[in-house]
Protein backbone atom coordinates (compact mmCIF):
# COMPACT_ATOMS: atom_id res chain seq x y z
CA MET A 1 -20.77 -56.65 27.20
CA TYR A 2 -19.80 -53.19 28.49
CA TRP A 3 -16.74 -53.16 26.31
CA HIS A 4 -19.01 -53.54 23.24
CA ARG A 5 -20.78 -50.32 24.18
CA GLY A 6 -17.43 -48.57 24.74
CA LEU A 7 -16.15 -49.78 21.38
CA TYR A 8 -19.42 -48.67 19.74
CA LEU A 9 -19.09 -45.18 21.29
CA VAL A 10 -15.45 -44.86 20.20
CA LEU A 11 -16.22 -45.97 16.63
CA SER A 12 -19.26 -43.68 16.44
CA GLY A 13 -17.19 -40.74 17.67
CA ALA A 14 -14.45 -41.47 15.11
CA LEU A 15 -17.03 -41.71 12.33
CA LEU A 16 -18.63 -38.38 13.30
CA ALA A 17 -15.22 -36.69 13.53
CA GLY A 18 -14.34 -38.06 10.08
CA LEU A 19 -17.59 -36.71 8.60
CA ALA A 20 -17.05 -33.30 10.17
CA PHE A 21 -13.48 -33.18 8.79
CA ALA A 22 -14.69 -34.21 5.32
CA GLN A 23 -17.30 -31.43 5.31
CA ASN A 24 -14.76 -28.82 6.42
CA SER A 25 -12.17 -29.97 3.89
CA ASP A 26 -14.64 -29.26 1.05
CA LYS A 27 -14.58 -25.58 1.99
CA PRO A 28 -11.64 -23.65 0.48
CA SER A 29 -9.08 -22.57 3.04
CA THR A 30 -8.27 -18.92 3.68
CA VAL A 31 -5.00 -19.41 1.79
CA ASN A 32 -6.94 -20.47 -1.32
CA GLN A 33 -9.24 -17.46 -1.01
CA ARG A 34 -6.42 -14.91 -1.12
CA SER A 35 -6.47 -12.44 -3.99
CA ILE A 36 -3.40 -10.64 -5.30
CA ILE A 37 -3.42 -6.93 -6.01
CA ARG A 38 -0.54 -5.78 -8.19
CA VAL A 39 0.37 -2.15 -7.61
CA GLY A 40 2.86 -0.23 -9.75
CA ILE A 41 5.25 2.11 -7.95
CA ALA A 42 6.49 5.10 -9.97
CA PRO A 43 9.73 6.95 -9.17
CA MET A 44 9.19 9.79 -6.70
CA ALA A 45 8.94 13.34 -8.04
CA ASN A 46 10.97 15.88 -6.04
CA ARG A 47 9.43 19.34 -5.86
CA SER A 48 11.18 20.34 -2.64
CA HIS A 49 14.43 22.14 -1.95
CA ARG A 50 15.69 18.99 -0.20
CA GLN A 51 17.81 16.22 -1.66
CA GLY A 52 16.06 13.07 -2.71
CA SER A 53 16.63 10.24 -5.15
CA PRO A 54 13.50 9.32 -7.16
CA THR A 55 14.50 5.69 -7.77
CA TRP A 56 15.84 5.17 -4.22
CA GLU A 57 12.56 6.36 -2.72
CA ARG A 58 10.54 4.27 -5.18
CA ASN A 59 12.55 1.25 -4.04
CA GLN A 60 12.00 2.21 -0.38
CA LEU A 61 8.24 2.22 -0.94
CA MET A 62 8.47 -1.15 -2.71
CA ARG A 63 10.48 -2.64 0.19
CA GLU A 64 7.94 -1.38 2.73
CA LEU A 65 5.02 -2.73 0.71
CA GLN A 66 6.85 -6.06 0.45
CA ARG A 67 7.04 -6.12 4.26
CA LEU A 68 3.30 -5.38 4.39
CA ARG A 69 2.55 -7.84 1.58
CA VAL A 70 0.43 -10.15 3.73
CA ASP A 71 -1.85 -9.24 6.61
CA ARG A 72 -3.36 -12.10 8.61
CA LYS A 73 -6.62 -10.13 8.93
CA SER A 74 -6.98 -9.67 5.17
CA SER A 75 -7.33 -12.03 2.21
CA ILE A 76 -5.54 -9.51 -0.02
CA VAL A 77 -1.87 -10.03 -0.90
CA LEU A 78 -0.04 -6.95 -2.20
CA GLU A 79 2.52 -7.26 -4.96
CA ALA A 80 4.60 -4.14 -5.65
CA VAL A 81 5.83 -3.71 -9.23
CA SER A 82 8.61 -1.30 -10.20
CA LEU A 83 7.71 1.35 -12.78
CA GLU A 84 10.11 3.52 -14.77
CA ALA A 85 7.51 6.12 -15.82
CA SER A 86 6.82 8.97 -13.42
CA SER A 87 4.02 10.91 -15.13
CA SER A 88 0.45 9.80 -14.48
CA GLU A 89 -0.28 9.02 -18.13
CA ASP A 90 2.91 7.05 -18.75
CA ALA A 91 2.72 5.25 -15.40
CA SER A 92 -0.87 4.23 -16.17
CA ALA A 93 0.14 2.72 -19.53
CA GLU A 94 3.17 0.95 -18.01
CA SER A 95 1.07 -0.36 -15.10
CA GLU A 96 -1.52 -1.77 -17.48
CA LYS A 97 1.21 -3.44 -19.53
CA LYS A 98 2.64 -5.01 -16.35
CA GLY A 99 -0.75 -6.33 -15.19
CA CYS A 100 -1.24 -3.91 -12.29
CA GLN A 101 -4.67 -2.94 -10.96
CA TYR A 102 -3.35 0.27 -9.32
CA PHE A 103 -0.29 2.50 -9.37
CA VAL A 104 1.15 4.97 -6.86
CA LEU A 105 2.59 8.41 -7.56
CA THR A 106 4.61 10.16 -4.84
CA THR A 107 5.96 13.70 -4.62
CA LEU A 108 8.41 15.12 -2.07
CA LEU A 109 7.33 18.65 -1.12
CA ASP A 110 8.38 21.39 1.25
CA ALA A 111 6.05 21.56 4.23
CA GLY A 112 4.37 24.71 5.55
CA HIS A 113 2.20 25.86 8.46
CA GLY A 114 -0.18 27.94 6.42
CA PRO A 115 -1.55 28.23 2.92
CA GLY A 116 1.12 28.29 0.27
CA ILE A 117 2.04 26.94 -3.11
CA SER A 118 4.71 24.62 -4.37
CA GLY A 119 6.02 25.01 -7.92
CA GLY A 120 7.72 22.40 -10.02
CA PRO A 121 8.22 21.15 -13.56
CA ASP A 122 4.65 19.86 -13.72
CA GLY A 123 2.97 23.02 -12.48
CA ILE A 124 1.86 24.64 -9.23
CA GLN A 125 -0.04 22.98 -6.42
CA PRO A 126 -0.89 23.81 -2.79
CA ALA A 127 1.94 23.13 -0.34
CA PRO A 128 1.07 20.54 2.30
CA VAL A 129 0.28 21.95 5.74
CA ILE A 130 1.89 20.34 8.78
CA ILE A 131 -0.40 20.42 11.81
CA GLY A 132 1.13 20.64 15.27
CA ASN A 133 4.34 22.05 16.67
CA THR A 134 6.64 20.71 13.97
CA ASN A 135 8.85 23.36 12.41
CA PRO A 136 8.17 23.21 8.66
CA ASN A 137 11.81 24.05 7.99
CA HIS A 138 12.74 20.78 9.70
CA ALA A 139 10.18 18.49 8.07
CA VAL A 140 9.47 16.88 4.72
CA ALA A 141 6.08 16.09 3.26
CA MET A 142 5.38 13.22 0.90
CA ASN A 143 2.22 13.51 -1.18
CA PHE A 144 0.87 10.27 -2.59
CA THR A 145 -1.93 9.27 -4.93
CA VAL A 146 -3.17 5.73 -5.59
CA ILE A 147 -4.75 5.54 -9.04
CA GLU A 148 -6.87 2.74 -10.48
CA VAL A 149 -5.48 1.52 -13.80
CA GLY A 150 -7.78 1.76 -16.81
CA ILE A 151 -10.17 4.14 -15.07
CA ASP A 152 -7.47 6.67 -14.16
CA ARG A 153 -9.34 7.86 -11.10
CA ALA A 154 -7.73 8.45 -7.73
CA LEU A 155 -8.62 5.73 -5.26
CA THR A 156 -7.07 7.78 -2.46
CA GLU A 157 -4.55 10.53 -1.89
CA GLY A 158 -2.88 12.10 1.09
CA THR A 159 0.29 13.42 2.67
CA ALA A 160 2.74 11.88 5.10
CA ALA A 161 5.20 14.08 6.98
CA ALA A 162 8.43 13.21 8.75
CA PRO A 163 10.93 15.31 10.74
CA VAL A 164 14.38 16.03 9.32
CA GLU A 165 16.92 15.12 11.98
CA ASP A 166 20.65 15.86 11.76
CA ASN A 167 20.07 17.49 8.33
CA ASN A 168 19.50 14.03 6.86
CA ASP A 169 16.98 14.62 4.07
CA ILE A 170 17.21 11.03 2.79
CA ARG A 171 16.35 9.50 6.16
CA ALA A 172 13.39 11.86 6.52
CA ALA A 173 12.13 11.00 3.02
CA ASP A 174 12.56 7.29 3.82
CA GLU A 175 10.46 7.70 6.99
CA ALA A 176 7.77 9.60 5.09
CA MET A 177 7.74 6.83 2.46
CA ARG A 178 7.36 4.20 5.20
CA LEU A 179 4.25 6.04 6.42
CA VAL A 180 2.96 6.24 2.84
CA ALA A 181 3.39 2.46 2.48
CA HIS A 182 1.20 1.82 5.53
CA ARG A 183 -1.51 4.15 4.22
CA VAL A 184 -1.40 2.62 0.72
CA ALA A 185 -1.57 -0.94 2.08
CA SER A 186 -4.48 -0.01 4.33
CA GLU A 187 -6.42 1.62 1.46
CA LEU A 188 -5.85 -1.27 -0.95
CA ARG A 189 -7.14 -3.77 1.62
CA LYS A 190 -10.44 -1.95 2.19
CA ASP A 191 -13.63 -3.62 1.00
CA ARG A 192 -15.04 -1.67 -1.91
CA PRO A 193 -17.94 -2.14 -4.28
CA PRO A 194 -16.84 -3.15 -7.79
CA SER A 195 -16.00 -0.27 -10.14
CA PRO A 196 -18.54 0.53 -12.86
CA ASP A 197 -17.24 -0.34 -16.33
């Protein structure tokens, strides 16, 4: 007689566990809720006196974003797309053609401690200021702008700086681009209200 009660309890428990599993399986998993953001990466512009390869640095940023593609705390998956255009207007058109929601422009600049300007083929702009004890003659600055495709407004912009060690400009630019990738990934994963059309 007692074994009937035990069997009844075991079967009831199995039935309740099955119902709970069935209810949970109706809900989409986190994997199914992931959304992909395609972001175009334009070749870097070099407005500094240092050496730098525009396509190499573009590819460095793409590799870093590929490493940061998935974040377990976010439902957003980043997909970096290579762009050939480097001007804002052309990169916007190419990004739209390639199905990107955003694109990134980067510029290598000479760093400074105080106010200054940096000139280049596309005009004059303020030189980035390095805060702290870093010698601006031994540092590179990488400006970046993330632009929303179709609206052509800057989602975010900033500057990442890296020290130049052993006169290796490329390694310094690579490090600055790695920092840019982290900032870009962080910005693209932020919750934002939908853009007005």
